[in-house]
Amino acid sequence: MKDNNKKAKRGIPQKSNFNEWYPFIVEAAELIDKRYPIKGMDVWRPYGWKTMRLIDSHTHDEMERTGHGECNFPLLIPEDLLEKENKLVSLLKRAREQGVDPEELRHEEDEAGFKKEVYWVKHAGENKLDVPMFLRPTSETAMYTMFPLWIRSHADLPLKIYQTVNTFRYETKQTRSFIRVREIHFFEAHTAHVDEDCATKQIKEDLEIVSRLMNKFALPVIISKRPTWDTFPGAWYTIAIDVVMPNGRTLQVASVHHYRDQWAKAFDIKYENLEGTQSYVHQTTYGMSERLLGAIVGMHGDDSGLILPPSVSPYQVVLIPIISKNNSEIIETKLTEISQRLKDCGYRTHIDNRNIRAGQKYFDWEIKGVPIRLDFGQRDLDSNKIMCTSRIGNKESINLEDLEEEINKKMDGIHETMIEMSNQKLKTSIKELPELINENGTWKLSENLENDKVYWTAFGGTDSDAEVIERLTGLTFLGESLDEFDSDVQCCISGKNTKCKVYLAKTY
C-alpha cells in the first residue's frame, strides 16, 4: 500500500485504469508529445523514435533475409489512380455481396476504398492543379502502376518489395497515440507471383515472419482469418494478427492479404509464361504499423511505467554513478570502463551523469522501461562488484569479473520471463463463449459476459447467424482460427457440425 501511495503521488494512474494509464505513460516515458496543433498527428520524441526504429530494424532484417528489396515510393498519388482503385474495390465488393464472379458485373461509379479518408492536395502555390493529388493512405495504387513496367516475363517473378513510410488517413473517430492516428508510421510489403499457389506460399512465409517478430517483441497474438464481411474488398482473404490489450480489447498490429489476380487485372500486370502466352500475376501484401509499439506499451507495462523488451529498448543497460565529493572522478572513470565492456558485447548502454538525486534517476528509467539498471559507488569499487536491478523485479550484487556472462544471462532471462508473463496474460484473457439459448424465437446467453475477455466458440453458421451473435454479445467477429478443432463439434447457433473455431472481442 505504501508503494502504491508513492506512485499515486508521482501522478501515475494504476494500469487497471487502462484508459487513463495508457495516454499518461506514452507521454511521461517521453515516447511522443501530443501537443502538436493537428489532432492525431503526434510528435515522436527521441526515446520513442529510437524504440520504433529498433522495431523497424527487426522487420528490415526479416525482409532482407527473405529476399525482399527495399524501395521508397512518392508520397503524392494522382486522383485518377484513386478512382481506378475505387472502381475495383466497388466491383469486388458488389461481386462478394451478390456471390458472383466479378467479371460478370459492370463497373459503376461508387465511392469506395479510401476516398473519404484521404488528405487532398489541390493547389501548387496559387495555381489550381489540373489533376488533384492525395497523400497516400497505402501504396497499392502507386506501386501497381509501376509493376507492369517492371514485370515482363516469368523470369521477373517473384517480385518482392517493401517500404517503411508515413501514410495518411483522415480518421474521424477518437484518436489515441500509436493505436488510432492520422499520420501512420507504416510498413508494407508487396509481392507478385506466377500463380495462386506461389502467392499462397508467400502468405505462409509472411506468417512465419510474424511468428519470429512477435517472439522478439514478447507479444503473444491471436491469428485469424477475417470473416468475409470484414475482409478488404480488394482481397481474396485477409489474415489478421491481434494483440489483446489489458482492457480486453483487441488491437490489430499486422495483416496479410491474398489478392489472387484481382489487382493485376485492374492494373494490367501481366507476364509472358513458359508457354509464351500472357498471364496475370497473383499478388499479396503484408502490413504493420506503429500499433506494434502501442501493443508493447499495453502488454508489458505496469503501475510503474513501461517495460520494454531488450530487443527494442533504446538503452538496454543504464549505469548510475553513486558519487561523493571525493570519489566522483574515479567512480565515473570506472563506470565508463564497465559501460565500454558491455558495448563491446553489443549492448546499448547509457551512463546517467545528470546532477540530480539517484532516486529521481531510478524513477525516470523505471518509467521508461529500461531492462537493466547498474548502480556503482565506492562500496562497489572496493568489493569489485556492481548492483544490478532488473525492470521485472530482481536486484542483486554481481562480480565485475563475471560482468558480461551475468548480464547475458539476465537479459535472456528478462526476455523469457516477459514471454511467459505475456502468454499467461493472453491465456487468462480468452474463454469459451457461454451457451446460446433460444427461447420462443429470442436468443439469450446462459450467463453474462465479462468486459475484459476475448471469447471463442464453434461456428459454422451463416452471415445472418453471425450478425445475431454480434448483436446479442456486443462483440465483433475477429475471424476463424487457423487451428481448427480436431473433430466435429456443434455450431453454437445452428447446431451443425463444424471444425471451425472463431474468436469474438471488442476491438480498437
Protein backbone atom coordinates (compact mmCIF):
# COMPACT_ATOMS: atom_id res chain seq x y z
CA MET A 1 0.00 0.00 0.00
CA LYS A 2 2.83 2.39 0.83
CA ASP A 3 4.40 1.79 -2.57
CA ASN A 4 1.11 2.46 -4.37
CA ASN A 5 0.75 5.74 -2.49
CA LYS A 6 4.21 6.80 -3.68
CA LYS A 7 3.26 6.06 -7.26
CA ALA A 8 -0.01 7.92 -6.88
CA LYS A 9 1.89 10.97 -5.64
CA ARG A 10 4.06 10.74 -8.75
CA GLY A 11 0.89 11.00 -10.79
CA ILE A 12 0.97 7.56 -12.43
CA PRO A 13 -2.54 6.10 -12.79
CA GLN A 14 -2.89 2.44 -11.95
CA LYS A 15 -2.75 0.22 -15.01
CA SER A 16 -6.09 -1.32 -14.02
CA ASN A 17 -7.50 2.00 -15.22
CA PHE A 18 -6.05 1.46 -18.69
CA ASN A 19 -7.87 4.34 -20.39
CA GLU A 20 -6.05 6.79 -18.09
CA TRP A 21 -2.80 4.84 -17.67
CA TYR A 22 -2.01 4.46 -21.37
CA PRO A 23 -2.11 8.12 -22.52
CA PHE A 24 -0.23 9.17 -19.37
CA ILE A 25 2.57 6.64 -19.86
CA VAL A 26 3.26 7.28 -23.55
CA GLU A 27 3.96 10.93 -22.73
CA ALA A 28 5.58 10.51 -19.31
CA ALA A 29 8.02 7.96 -20.78
CA GLU A 30 8.84 10.52 -23.50
CA LEU A 31 7.74 8.35 -26.42
CA ILE A 32 5.63 11.10 -28.01
CA ASP A 33 4.31 14.60 -27.44
CA LYS A 34 0.62 15.04 -28.28
CA ARG A 35 0.63 18.83 -28.18
CA TYR A 36 1.23 19.30 -31.93
CA PRO A 37 -1.61 21.52 -33.28
CA ILE A 38 -3.10 18.83 -35.57
CA LYS A 39 -5.14 16.18 -33.79
CA GLY A 40 -3.95 12.64 -34.44
CA MET A 41 -0.50 13.73 -35.60
CA ASP A 42 1.83 13.27 -32.66
CA VAL A 43 5.48 14.32 -32.43
CA TRP A 44 7.88 11.43 -31.95
CA ARG A 45 10.37 12.24 -29.19
CA PRO A 46 13.91 10.80 -29.45
CA TYR A 47 13.28 7.96 -26.98
CA GLY A 48 10.06 6.89 -28.74
CA TRP A 49 11.53 7.25 -32.22
CA LYS A 50 14.56 5.16 -31.29
CA THR A 51 12.23 2.46 -29.94
CA MET A 52 10.19 2.50 -33.17
CA ARG A 53 13.31 2.38 -35.32
CA LEU A 54 14.53 -0.66 -33.39
CA ILE A 55 11.19 -2.33 -34.12
CA ASP A 56 11.70 -1.41 -37.78
CA SER A 57 15.21 -2.85 -37.76
CA HIS A 58 13.93 -6.30 -36.84
CA THR A 59 11.34 -6.08 -39.62
CA HIS A 60 14.02 -4.91 -42.05
CA ASP A 61 16.24 -7.87 -41.14
CA GLU A 62 13.38 -10.30 -41.80
CA MET A 63 12.64 -8.70 -45.15
CA GLU A 64 16.24 -8.87 -46.29
CA ARG A 65 16.57 -12.45 -45.04
CA THR A 66 13.56 -13.50 -47.13
CA GLY A 67 14.68 -11.78 -50.33
CA HIS A 68 12.56 -8.61 -50.30
CA GLY A 69 14.06 -5.45 -51.78
CA GLU A 70 13.57 -2.12 -50.02
CA CYS A 71 12.05 0.70 -52.06
CA ASN A 72 10.55 4.13 -51.49
CA PHE A 73 7.56 5.42 -53.44
CA PRO A 74 6.38 9.05 -53.68
CA LEU A 75 4.05 10.46 -51.06
CA LEU A 76 1.62 12.01 -53.56
CA ILE A 77 -0.69 9.98 -55.78
CA PRO A 78 -2.81 11.47 -58.62
CA GLU A 79 -6.60 11.37 -58.25
CA ASP A 80 -7.17 9.18 -61.32
CA LEU A 81 -5.32 6.31 -59.65
CA LEU A 82 -7.60 6.54 -56.63
CA GLU A 83 -10.61 6.41 -58.93
CA LYS A 84 -9.14 3.30 -60.54
CA GLU A 85 -8.77 1.65 -57.14
CA ASN A 86 -12.25 2.73 -56.03
CA LYS A 87 -13.86 1.18 -59.11
CA LEU A 88 -12.02 -2.09 -58.49
CA VAL A 89 -12.89 -2.18 -54.79
CA SER A 90 -16.52 -1.31 -55.51
CA LEU A 91 -16.77 -4.03 -58.16
CA LEU A 92 -15.24 -6.68 -55.91
CA LYS A 93 -17.46 -5.63 -53.01
CA ARG A 94 -20.64 -5.95 -55.09
CA ALA A 95 -19.49 -9.30 -56.50
CA ARG A 96 -18.88 -10.59 -52.99
CA GLU A 97 -22.29 -9.39 -51.80
CA GLN A 98 -24.06 -10.97 -54.78
CA GLY A 99 -21.99 -14.16 -54.74
CA VAL A 100 -20.93 -13.90 -58.38
CA ASP A 101 -17.71 -13.66 -60.36
CA PRO A 102 -16.50 -10.02 -60.53
CA GLU A 103 -16.17 -10.34 -64.33
CA GLU A 104 -19.95 -10.79 -64.57
CA LEU A 105 -20.52 -7.28 -63.24
CA ARG A 106 -20.11 -3.89 -64.87
CA HIS A 107 -18.00 -1.15 -63.33
CA GLU A 108 -20.12 1.52 -61.66
CA GLU A 109 -19.27 4.85 -60.12
CA ASP A 110 -19.21 4.35 -56.38
CA GLU A 111 -17.35 5.99 -53.53
CA ALA A 112 -15.42 3.10 -52.04
CA GLY A 113 -11.90 2.46 -50.86
CA PHE A 114 -10.14 5.38 -49.19
CA LYS A 115 -11.81 8.31 -50.96
CA LYS A 116 -13.49 9.65 -47.82
CA GLU A 117 -10.35 9.23 -45.72
CA VAL A 118 -7.59 10.83 -47.79
CA TYR A 119 -5.98 14.26 -47.49
CA TRP A 120 -6.19 16.18 -50.77
CA VAL A 121 -3.65 18.47 -52.42
CA LYS A 122 -5.47 20.67 -54.96
CA HIS A 123 -3.17 23.68 -55.30
CA ALA A 124 0.51 24.25 -56.05
CA GLY A 125 1.22 27.73 -54.78
CA GLU A 126 -1.60 29.86 -56.19
CA ASN A 127 -2.22 27.54 -59.14
CA LYS A 128 -5.08 25.05 -59.08
CA LEU A 129 -3.88 21.62 -60.14
CA ASP A 130 -5.41 20.10 -63.28
CA VAL A 131 -5.28 16.70 -61.59
CA PRO A 132 -5.72 16.81 -57.79
CA MET A 133 -3.40 14.63 -55.73
CA PHE A 134 -3.72 12.98 -52.35
CA LEU A 135 -1.41 11.82 -49.58
CA ARG A 136 -1.04 8.04 -49.72
CA PRO A 137 -3.32 6.07 -47.36
CA THR A 138 -1.44 2.94 -48.51
CA SER A 139 0.52 2.17 -51.67
CA GLU A 140 -1.29 -0.36 -53.86
CA THR A 141 -2.25 2.23 -56.48
CA ALA A 142 1.20 3.82 -56.59
CA MET A 143 3.11 0.52 -56.72
CA TYR A 144 0.82 -1.33 -59.10
CA THR A 145 1.07 1.47 -61.62
CA MET A 146 4.79 0.66 -61.83
CA PHE A 147 4.57 -3.14 -61.72
CA PRO A 148 3.66 -3.52 -65.44
CA LEU A 149 6.86 -1.62 -66.27
CA TRP A 150 8.97 -3.94 -64.13
CA ILE A 151 7.32 -7.30 -64.85
CA ARG A 152 7.53 -8.64 -68.40
CA SER A 153 8.32 -12.35 -68.14
CA HIS A 154 8.28 -15.24 -65.66
CA ALA A 155 11.98 -14.50 -65.08
CA ASP A 156 10.97 -11.26 -63.32
CA LEU A 157 8.96 -13.20 -60.73
CA PRO A 158 8.58 -13.37 -57.85
CA LEU A 159 8.80 -9.63 -57.30
CA LYS A 160 9.12 -8.90 -53.55
CA ILE A 161 9.46 -5.32 -52.33
CA TYR A 162 8.80 -3.37 -49.13
CA GLN A 163 8.95 0.12 -47.72
CA THR A 164 8.57 1.87 -44.36
CA VAL A 165 6.87 5.22 -44.83
CA ASN A 166 4.28 7.58 -43.39
CA THR A 167 0.70 7.12 -44.58
CA PHE A 168 -2.21 9.47 -44.00
CA ARG A 169 -5.87 8.78 -43.27
CA TYR A 170 -8.45 11.23 -42.02
CA GLU A 171 -9.58 9.14 -39.07
CA THR A 172 -12.68 10.82 -37.67
CA LYS A 173 -13.00 8.62 -34.59
CA GLN A 174 -11.29 9.44 -31.32
CA THR A 175 -7.53 9.36 -31.78
CA ARG A 176 -5.16 7.51 -29.45
CA SER A 177 -1.36 7.57 -29.71
CA PHE A 178 0.04 4.67 -31.78
CA ILE A 179 -3.39 3.00 -31.84
CA ARG A 180 -5.58 5.35 -33.88
CA VAL A 181 -3.76 8.23 -35.53
CA ARG A 182 -4.00 10.25 -38.73
CA GLU A 183 -0.34 10.12 -39.72
CA ILE A 184 0.75 6.48 -39.53
CA HIS A 185 4.27 5.07 -39.40
CA PHE A 186 3.64 2.16 -41.76
CA PHE A 187 5.47 -0.90 -43.05
CA GLU A 188 4.16 -2.59 -46.17
CA ALA A 189 5.47 -5.48 -48.27
CA HIS A 190 4.04 -6.18 -51.73
CA THR A 191 4.73 -9.27 -53.82
CA ALA A 192 3.82 -10.60 -57.27
CA HIS A 193 3.93 -14.28 -58.26
CA VAL A 194 3.33 -16.54 -61.24
CA ASP A 195 0.20 -18.18 -59.81
CA GLU A 196 -2.08 -18.64 -56.83
CA ASP A 197 -0.03 -21.45 -55.29
CA CYS A 198 3.15 -19.36 -55.24
CA ALA A 199 1.28 -16.44 -53.70
CA THR A 200 -0.13 -18.78 -51.05
CA LYS A 201 3.41 -19.91 -50.20
CA GLN A 202 4.25 -16.23 -49.69
CA ILE A 203 1.38 -15.94 -47.20
CA LYS A 204 2.88 -18.87 -45.29
CA GLU A 205 6.29 -17.17 -45.27
CA ASP A 206 4.71 -13.94 -44.02
CA LEU A 207 3.11 -15.76 -41.10
CA GLU A 208 6.47 -17.32 -40.22
CA ILE A 209 7.96 -13.81 -40.23
CA VAL A 210 5.14 -12.67 -37.94
CA SER A 211 5.93 -15.50 -35.53
CA ARG A 212 9.62 -14.57 -35.31
CA LEU A 213 8.93 -10.86 -34.90
CA MET A 214 6.29 -11.28 -32.23
CA ASN A 215 8.67 -13.53 -30.29
CA LYS A 216 11.31 -10.79 -30.36
CA PHE A 217 8.74 -8.29 -29.06
CA ALA A 218 7.41 -10.83 -26.49
CA LEU A 219 3.92 -10.33 -27.91
CA PRO A 220 1.56 -13.33 -27.90
CA VAL A 221 -1.04 -12.88 -30.63
CA ILE A 222 -4.32 -14.19 -31.95
CA ILE A 223 -4.05 -15.04 -35.65
CA SER A 224 -7.33 -15.41 -37.52
CA LYS A 225 -8.77 -15.35 -40.99
CA ARG A 226 -11.09 -12.36 -41.09
CA PRO A 227 -14.75 -13.10 -41.89
CA THR A 228 -15.89 -12.35 -45.43
CA TRP A 229 -17.74 -9.18 -44.42
CA ASP A 230 -14.64 -7.80 -42.70
CA THR A 231 -12.16 -8.68 -45.45
CA PHE A 232 -10.78 -5.82 -47.51
CA PRO A 233 -12.90 -5.95 -50.69
CA GLY A 234 -9.75 -5.92 -52.80
CA ALA A 235 -8.53 -9.13 -51.18
CA TRP A 236 -9.47 -12.77 -51.71
CA TYR A 237 -8.90 -13.25 -47.99
CA THR A 238 -7.26 -11.45 -45.08
CA ILE A 239 -5.35 -12.93 -42.15
CA ALA A 240 -5.09 -10.58 -39.19
CA ILE A 241 -2.76 -10.57 -36.19
CA ASP A 242 -4.27 -9.19 -32.98
CA VAL A 243 -2.88 -8.44 -29.52
CA VAL A 244 -5.20 -8.46 -26.51
CA MET A 245 -4.77 -5.24 -24.56
CA PRO A 246 -5.23 -5.04 -20.75
CA ASN A 247 -8.84 -3.85 -21.03
CA GLY A 248 -9.75 -6.90 -23.13
CA ARG A 249 -9.98 -5.03 -26.43
CA THR A 250 -8.01 -6.45 -29.32
CA LEU A 251 -5.56 -4.36 -31.32
CA GLN A 252 -4.75 -5.43 -34.87
CA VAL A 253 -1.00 -4.98 -35.26
CA ALA A 254 -0.50 -6.67 -38.64
CA SER A 255 -2.39 -8.13 -41.58
CA VAL A 256 -1.68 -10.28 -44.60
CA HIS A 257 -3.80 -10.12 -47.78
CA HIS A 258 -4.02 -12.62 -50.62
CA TYR A 259 -5.16 -10.73 -53.71
CA ARG A 260 -5.13 -13.53 -56.30
CA ASP A 261 -5.06 -11.80 -59.71
CA GLN A 262 -7.79 -9.23 -58.97
CA TRP A 263 -5.49 -6.20 -58.77
CA ALA A 264 -3.39 -7.50 -61.66
CA LYS A 265 -6.42 -7.45 -63.95
CA ALA A 266 -7.29 -3.90 -62.88
CA PHE A 267 -3.72 -2.63 -63.38
CA ASP A 268 -2.86 -4.91 -66.33
CA ILE A 269 0.07 -6.60 -64.62
CA LYS A 270 0.96 -9.50 -66.93
CA TYR A 271 3.97 -11.64 -67.71
CA GLU A 272 5.00 -13.97 -70.51
CA ASN A 273 4.74 -17.53 -69.18
CA LEU A 274 6.73 -20.61 -70.18
CA GLU A 275 4.26 -21.34 -72.99
CA GLY A 276 4.88 -17.92 -74.49
CA THR A 277 1.42 -16.57 -73.68
CA GLN A 278 0.40 -13.79 -71.28
CA SER A 279 -0.76 -14.50 -67.70
CA TYR A 280 -1.80 -12.23 -64.88
CA VAL A 281 0.34 -12.23 -61.75
CA HIS A 282 -1.04 -13.16 -58.34
CA GLN A 283 -0.28 -10.74 -55.51
CA THR A 284 -0.02 -10.47 -51.74
CA THR A 285 0.57 -7.72 -49.20
CA TYR A 286 1.81 -7.75 -45.61
CA GLY A 287 1.43 -4.64 -43.46
CA MET A 288 2.26 -3.44 -39.93
CA SER A 289 2.33 -0.08 -38.22
CA GLU A 290 3.28 1.83 -35.09
CA ARG A 291 0.45 -0.09 -33.42
CA LEU A 292 3.22 -2.58 -32.62
CA LEU A 293 4.67 -0.05 -30.19
CA GLY A 294 1.23 0.61 -28.73
CA ALA A 295 0.84 -3.13 -28.17
CA ILE A 296 4.26 -3.38 -26.48
CA VAL A 297 3.35 -0.50 -24.17
CA GLY A 298 -0.03 -2.00 -23.30
CA MET A 299 1.04 -5.63 -22.94
CA HIS A 300 4.21 -5.18 -20.89
CA GLY A 301 3.80 -2.00 -18.85
CA ASP A 302 2.88 -1.92 -15.16
CA ASP A 303 1.92 0.59 -12.48
CA SER A 304 5.47 1.98 -12.55
CA GLY A 305 5.66 2.63 -16.31
CA LEU A 306 6.96 0.89 -19.42
CA ILE A 307 8.66 -2.48 -19.51
CA LEU A 308 10.49 -2.70 -22.83
CA PRO A 309 11.69 -5.98 -24.32
CA PRO A 310 15.52 -5.91 -24.55
CA SER A 311 15.25 -6.22 -28.35
CA VAL A 312 13.64 -2.76 -28.74
CA SER A 313 14.80 -0.79 -25.70
CA PRO A 314 16.85 2.26 -26.77
CA TYR A 315 19.11 1.60 -23.79
CA GLN A 316 19.35 -1.98 -22.62
CA VAL A 317 21.57 -1.07 -19.66
CA VAL A 318 21.61 2.25 -17.81
CA LEU A 319 24.52 2.87 -15.43
CA ILE A 320 24.11 5.16 -12.41
CA PRO A 321 27.21 6.57 -10.64
CA ILE A 322 26.81 6.85 -6.86
CA ILE A 323 29.37 9.53 -6.06
CA SER A 324 30.54 11.86 -3.32
CA LYS A 325 32.77 14.94 -3.45
CA ASN A 326 35.93 12.91 -3.05
CA ASN A 327 35.42 10.00 -5.45
CA SER A 328 33.48 11.32 -8.45
CA GLU A 329 36.37 11.09 -10.92
CA ILE A 330 37.42 7.53 -10.07
CA ILE A 331 33.79 6.26 -9.97
CA GLU A 332 32.93 7.83 -13.33
CA THR A 333 36.14 6.54 -14.92
CA LYS A 334 35.43 3.00 -13.71
CA LEU A 335 31.81 3.20 -14.82
CA THR A 336 32.91 4.30 -18.29
CA GLU A 337 35.14 1.24 -18.46
CA ILE A 338 32.22 -1.01 -17.39
CA SER A 339 29.95 0.60 -19.98
CA GLN A 340 32.51 0.00 -22.73
CA ARG A 341 32.81 -3.67 -21.80
CA LEU A 342 29.07 -4.05 -22.29
CA LYS A 343 29.12 -2.09 -25.54
CA ASP A 344 31.80 -4.46 -26.80
CA CYS A 345 29.27 -7.26 -26.18
CA GLY A 346 26.74 -5.47 -28.37
CA TYR A 347 24.61 -3.84 -25.67
CA ARG A 348 23.15 -0.37 -25.93
CA THR A 349 24.28 1.42 -22.76
CA HIS A 350 23.91 4.85 -21.21
CA ILE A 351 25.63 6.49 -18.23
CA ASP A 352 23.30 8.88 -16.41
CA ASN A 353 25.58 11.70 -15.24
CA ARG A 354 22.81 14.20 -14.54
CA ASN A 355 23.28 16.32 -11.44
CA ILE A 356 20.14 15.11 -9.70
CA ARG A 357 19.42 12.67 -6.90
CA ALA A 358 19.88 8.97 -7.62
CA GLY A 359 16.27 8.31 -6.60
CA GLN A 360 14.99 10.59 -9.36
CA LYS A 361 17.18 8.76 -11.88
CA TYR A 362 15.75 5.43 -10.71
CA PHE A 363 12.22 6.73 -11.21
CA ASP A 364 12.98 8.14 -14.68
CA TRP A 365 14.47 4.90 -16.01
CA GLU A 366 11.81 2.78 -14.36
CA ILE A 367 9.04 4.67 -16.14
CA LYS A 368 10.98 4.37 -19.41
CA GLY A 369 11.18 0.60 -19.01
CA VAL A 370 14.94 0.03 -19.35
CA PRO A 371 15.63 -3.71 -18.83
CA ILE A 372 18.67 -3.41 -16.52
CA ARG A 373 19.99 -0.67 -14.23
CA LEU A 374 23.52 -0.85 -12.79
CA ASP A 375 24.43 1.25 -9.73
CA PHE A 376 28.10 1.77 -8.91
CA GLY A 377 29.60 3.56 -5.90
CA GLN A 378 32.56 3.45 -3.51
CA ARG A 379 31.42 0.28 -1.76
CA ASP A 380 31.11 -1.48 -5.15
CA LEU A 381 34.52 -0.21 -6.21
CA ASP A 382 36.09 -1.60 -3.03
CA SER A 383 34.44 -5.02 -3.45
CA ASN A 384 34.84 -5.21 -7.27
CA LYS A 385 31.08 -5.63 -7.64
CA ILE A 386 28.14 -3.73 -9.09
CA MET A 387 24.48 -3.60 -8.07
CA CYS A 388 22.17 -4.91 -10.79
CA THR A 389 18.42 -4.18 -10.82
CA SER A 390 16.09 -5.80 -13.36
CA ARG A 391 12.99 -3.91 -14.53
CA ILE A 392 10.92 -7.03 -13.95
CA GLY A 393 11.79 -7.12 -10.25
CA ASN A 394 15.14 -8.71 -9.32
CA LYS A 395 18.03 -6.94 -7.57
CA GLU A 396 21.44 -8.37 -6.67
CA SER A 397 25.14 -7.57 -6.49
CA ILE A 398 27.27 -9.21 -9.22
CA ASN A 399 31.04 -9.64 -9.52
CA LEU A 400 32.65 -7.44 -12.13
CA GLU A 401 34.85 -10.36 -13.15
CA ASP A 402 31.69 -12.10 -14.38
CA LEU A 403 30.02 -8.96 -15.77
CA GLU A 404 29.45 -10.00 -19.38
CA GLU A 405 28.31 -13.52 -18.54
CA GLU A 406 25.92 -12.31 -15.84
CA ILE A 407 24.37 -9.58 -18.00
CA ASN A 408 23.89 -12.06 -20.85
CA LYS A 409 22.04 -14.43 -18.51
CA LYS A 410 19.89 -11.69 -17.03
CA MET A 411 18.99 -10.18 -20.40
CA ASP A 412 17.97 -13.58 -21.77
CA GLY A 413 16.04 -14.23 -18.57
CA ILE A 414 14.15 -10.94 -18.86
CA HIS A 415 13.07 -11.79 -22.42
CA GLU A 416 11.96 -15.30 -21.49
CA THR A 417 10.09 -14.06 -18.42
CA MET A 418 8.31 -11.40 -20.49
CA ILE A 419 7.20 -14.07 -22.96
CA GLU A 420 5.94 -16.32 -20.15
CA MET A 421 4.08 -13.48 -18.43
CA SER A 422 2.55 -12.32 -21.72
CA ASN A 423 1.42 -15.81 -22.67
CA GLN A 424 -0.20 -16.16 -19.27
CA LYS A 425 -1.99 -12.83 -19.71
CA LEU A 426 -3.29 -13.95 -23.10
CA LYS A 427 -4.38 -17.31 -21.74
CA THR A 428 -6.40 -15.73 -18.93
CA SER A 429 -7.92 -13.19 -21.34
CA ILE A 430 -9.59 -15.82 -23.55
CA LYS A 431 -12.50 -18.02 -22.56
CA GLU A 432 -15.31 -20.00 -24.16
CA LEU A 433 -18.46 -18.14 -25.13
CA PRO A 434 -21.39 -19.05 -22.86
CA GLU A 435 -24.12 -21.23 -24.34
CA LEU A 436 -26.62 -19.55 -26.66
CA ILE A 437 -30.23 -20.38 -25.75
CA ASN A 438 -33.25 -19.82 -28.00
CA GLU A 439 -36.44 -19.21 -26.06
CA ASN A 440 -39.54 -18.72 -28.22
CA GLY A 441 -37.50 -17.26 -31.05
CA THR A 442 -35.40 -14.99 -28.85
CA TRP A 443 -31.71 -15.68 -28.29
CA LYS A 444 -30.02 -15.14 -24.95
CA LEU A 445 -26.78 -16.14 -23.23
CA SER A 446 -26.64 -18.69 -20.42
CA GLU A 447 -24.53 -16.27 -18.38
CA ASN A 448 -23.32 -12.68 -18.54
CA LEU A 449 -20.13 -11.79 -20.41
CA GLU A 450 -17.09 -10.27 -18.73
CA ASN A 451 -16.00 -6.88 -20.05
CA ASP A 452 -12.29 -7.65 -20.34
CA LYS A 453 -12.38 -11.01 -22.12
CA VAL A 454 -12.00 -12.37 -25.64
CA TYR A 455 -14.32 -15.28 -26.40
CA TRP A 456 -14.10 -18.31 -28.65
CA THR A 457 -16.79 -20.63 -29.90
CA ALA A 458 -17.55 -23.21 -32.58
CA PHE A 459 -19.26 -21.56 -35.55
CA GLY A 460 -20.47 -22.96 -38.84
CA GLY A 461 -23.42 -20.69 -39.41
CA THR A 462 -24.34 -18.02 -41.95
CA ASP A 463 -23.59 -14.30 -42.06
CA SER A 464 -27.03 -13.65 -40.55
CA ASP A 465 -26.23 -16.07 -37.71
CA ALA A 466 -23.03 -14.14 -37.07
CA GLU A 467 -25.00 -10.89 -37.01
CA VAL A 468 -27.33 -12.34 -34.36
CA ILE A 469 -24.35 -13.27 -32.20
CA GLU A 470 -22.70 -9.85 -32.59
CA ARG A 471 -25.90 -8.03 -31.63
CA LEU A 472 -26.51 -10.34 -28.68
CA THR A 473 -22.97 -10.11 -27.27
CA GLY A 474 -21.87 -6.64 -28.34
CA LEU A 475 -18.67 -8.32 -29.62
CA THR A 476 -17.10 -8.37 -33.07
CA PHE A 477 -16.13 -11.48 -35.00
CA LEU A 478 -12.33 -11.41 -35.27
CA GLY A 479 -12.44 -14.40 -37.58
CA GLU A 480 -11.60 -18.06 -37.91
CA SER A 481 -8.68 -19.52 -36.01
CA LEU A 482 -6.06 -21.07 -38.29
CA ASP A 483 -6.15 -24.06 -35.91
CA GLU A 484 -9.39 -25.99 -36.33
CA PHE A 485 -10.92 -28.36 -33.80
CA ASP A 486 -9.56 -31.89 -34.05
CA SER A 487 -13.03 -33.30 -34.64
CA ASP A 488 -16.51 -32.04 -35.45
CA VAL A 489 -18.34 -30.03 -32.79
CA GLN A 490 -21.72 -28.36 -32.89
CA CYS A 491 -22.01 -24.76 -34.10
CA CYS A 492 -23.04 -22.54 -31.20
CA ILE A 493 -26.13 -21.21 -33.01
CA SER A 494 -27.06 -23.51 -35.91
CA GLY A 495 -26.23 -26.83 -34.27
CA LYS A 496 -24.50 -28.02 -37.45
CA ASN A 497 -21.26 -29.96 -37.20
CA THR A 498 -18.14 -27.89 -37.79
CA LYS A 499 -14.43 -27.82 -37.06
CA CYS A 500 -14.30 -24.04 -37.29
CA LYS A 501 -13.27 -22.11 -34.18
CA VAL A 502 -13.92 -18.36 -34.16
CA TYR A 503 -12.87 -15.53 -31.86
CA LEU A 504 -15.07 -12.64 -30.75
CA ALA A 505 -13.92 -9.49 -28.99
CA LYS A 506 -14.29 -5.78 -28.50
CA THR A 507 -11.83 -4.12 -30.85
CA TYR A 508 -9.97 -0.85 -31.30
